[in-house]
């Protein structure tokens, strides 16, 4: 974990290999704009979730965000879970109170806010690429919006598709495609999920949870076919603001 001047109000991000952190820059800028000189936002880079208790014990914290790979693993450390976090089975925001730690999921909120502005009447079904913690929040939103979806995984599992099974018929049937995998993240900017891009059309909506690079190889392929594209930056901004609201409630 990095060393930083201790402030009166300390917030931070718990994850692994998180030097790229969107959250630290976002909240540091927010605190500066609000003249909150006694607030800080730090990266708590843990090589194991077993270090979480020590983090809490050795630091006086006011709120935390959680990112991969700990969104699910942090749940046993919570004293309470918000209904949405419990339904999703993943936590990305932790509220500190007199009653202990309460886990929330603001990823679903952020995704829904950034998705719905793009939805058209012909966006009827969705493919979710990846089956990690992030995909659970995405699936939760599609259930809420009554949009049928299927998860796509590298390995065959019940009620899921594999990348090898994706063909013209399936791509044409599912007009929303969301990349929840890390494939295409900087520095591996030329990589992209293994789907048959040749069957994409202007009726497709491609959403990538990745925000660095701004336009992934996945999104570029969609753009070339006339599809609507969206990266993960608005989602992150929305979920960050929701976290801030929770910490101050």
Foldseek 3Di string as FASTA:
>chain_A
DDDDDQAPAEEEEEEAPCPVPPLQVVVVVVCVVVVVPRYHYYYDHDPDCVCVVVVPVVDDHLKYFYDPPCQQVCVVVAPEEDPLCVQLNGFGIWGQDPSGIYGYDLLLVLCLVVPPVPDDPLQAAEEEEDDHSSVSSVVVNCVVVVRHYAYEDCDDDPRHHHQVPADLVNCVVHQEYEYPDCFCAPPNQQGDDNHDLVNAALSHEYEYLHPVPVQGNHNVSNVVRNHHYYYNPSSVVSSSVVSVVSSVD
